[in-house]
């Protein structure tokens, strides 16, 4: 749960309040192994890259 929170705060610093929820949702999806169908989540790099999209 720390990575989605971190991604939300990074998004807030980049694009202010409208970016918090999409960043947290994207980071949660990127780090949930059950949704991805893998053994582990994406770690920290993919959620931070998803902020740029």
C-alpha atoms as a PDB file:
ATOM      1  CA  UNK A   1       0.000   0.000   0.000  1.00  0.00           C
ATOM      2  CA  UNK A   2       2.980   2.318   0.365  1.00  0.00           C
ATOM      3  CA  UNK A   3       3.774   2.479  -3.348  1.00  0.00           C
ATOM      4  CA  UNK A   4       0.290   3.712  -4.375  1.00  0.00           C
ATOM      5  CA  UNK A   5       0.455   6.356  -1.641  1.00  0.00           C
ATOM      6  CA  UNK A   6       3.919   7.409  -2.753  1.00  0.00           C
ATOM      7  CA  UNK A   7       2.762   7.604  -6.373  1.00  0.00           C
ATOM      8  CA  UNK A   8      -0.211   9.721  -5.289  1.00  0.00           C
ATOM      9  CA  UNK A   9       1.995  12.208  -3.483  1.00  0.00           C
ATOM     10  CA  UNK A  10       4.451  12.371  -6.389  1.00  0.00           C
ATOM     11  CA  UNK A  11       1.526  13.033  -8.742  1.00  0.00           C
ATOM     12  CA  UNK A  12       0.258  15.766  -6.406  1.00  0.00           C
ATOM     13  CA  UNK A  13       3.626  17.469  -6.533  1.00  0.00           C
ATOM     14  CA  UNK A  14       3.653  17.307 -10.337  1.00  0.00           C
ATOM     15  CA  UNK A  15       0.040  18.079 -11.278  1.00  0.00           C
ATOM     16  CA  UNK A  16      -1.751  19.061  -8.032  1.00  0.00           C
ATOM     17  CA  UNK A  17      -5.003  17.530  -6.705  1.00  0.00           C
ATOM     18  CA  UNK A  18      -6.616  16.112  -9.889  1.00  0.00           C
ATOM     19  CA  UNK A  19      -3.729  13.662 -10.339  1.00  0.00           C
ATOM     20  CA  UNK A  20      -3.853  11.980  -6.917  1.00  0.00           C
ATOM     21  CA  UNK A  21      -6.613   9.417  -7.501  1.00  0.00           C
ATOM     22  CA  UNK A  22      -5.553   8.282 -11.005  1.00  0.00           C
ATOM     23  CA  UNK A  23      -1.959   7.884  -9.835  1.00  0.00           C
ATOM     24  CA  UNK A  24      -2.954   5.848  -6.789  1.00  0.00           C
ATOM     25  CA  UNK A  25      -5.260   3.614  -8.841  1.00  0.00           C
ATOM     26  CA  UNK A  26      -2.625   3.111 -11.540  1.00  0.00           C
ATOM     27  CA  UNK A  27       0.043   2.302  -8.990  1.00  0.00           C
ATOM     28  CA  UNK A  28      -2.254  -0.153  -7.221  1.00  0.00           C
ATOM     29  CA  UNK A  29      -3.013  -1.959 -10.481  1.00  0.00           C
ATOM     30  CA  UNK A  30       0.669  -2.007 -11.442  1.00  0.00           C
ATOM     31  CA  UNK A  31       1.619  -3.565  -8.096  1.00  0.00           C
ATOM     32  CA  UNK A  32      -1.160  -6.135  -7.726  1.00  0.00           C
ATOM     33  CA  UNK A  33       0.160  -9.533  -8.856  1.00  0.00           C
ATOM     34  CA  UNK A  34      -3.340 -11.046  -8.995  1.00  0.00           C
ATOM     35  CA  UNK A  35      -4.551  -8.447 -11.501  1.00  0.00           C
ATOM     36  CA  UNK A  36      -1.382  -8.784 -13.572  1.00  0.00           C
ATOM     37  CA  UNK A  37      -1.355 -12.579 -13.460  1.00  0.00           C
ATOM     38  CA  UNK A  38       2.263 -12.677 -12.303  1.00  0.00           C
ATOM     39  CA  UNK A  39       4.142 -13.837  -9.220  1.00  0.00           C
ATOM     40  CA  UNK A  40       5.113 -10.321  -8.138  1.00  0.00           C
ATOM     41  CA  UNK A  41       4.027  -6.765  -8.782  1.00  0.00           C
ATOM     42  CA  UNK A  42       5.838  -4.239 -10.922  1.00  0.00           C
ATOM     43  CA  UNK A  43       7.737  -2.637  -8.056  1.00  0.00           C
ATOM     44  CA  UNK A  44       8.329   1.092  -7.898  1.00  0.00           C
ATOM     45  CA  UNK A  45       9.473   1.871 -11.425  1.00  0.00           C
ATOM     46  CA  UNK A  46       6.294   1.116 -13.394  1.00  0.00           C
ATOM     47  CA  UNK A  47       3.966   3.192 -11.176  1.00  0.00           C
ATOM     48  CA  UNK A  48       6.308   6.162 -11.449  1.00  0.00           C
ATOM     49  CA  UNK A  49       6.445   5.726 -15.226  1.00  0.00           C
ATOM     50  CA  UNK A  50       2.656   5.534 -15.337  1.00  0.00           C
ATOM     51  CA  UNK A  51       2.541   9.053 -13.871  1.00  0.00           C
ATOM     52  CA  UNK A  52       3.976  10.357 -17.107  1.00  0.00           C
ATOM     53  CA  UNK A  53       1.141   8.871 -19.174  1.00  0.00           C
END
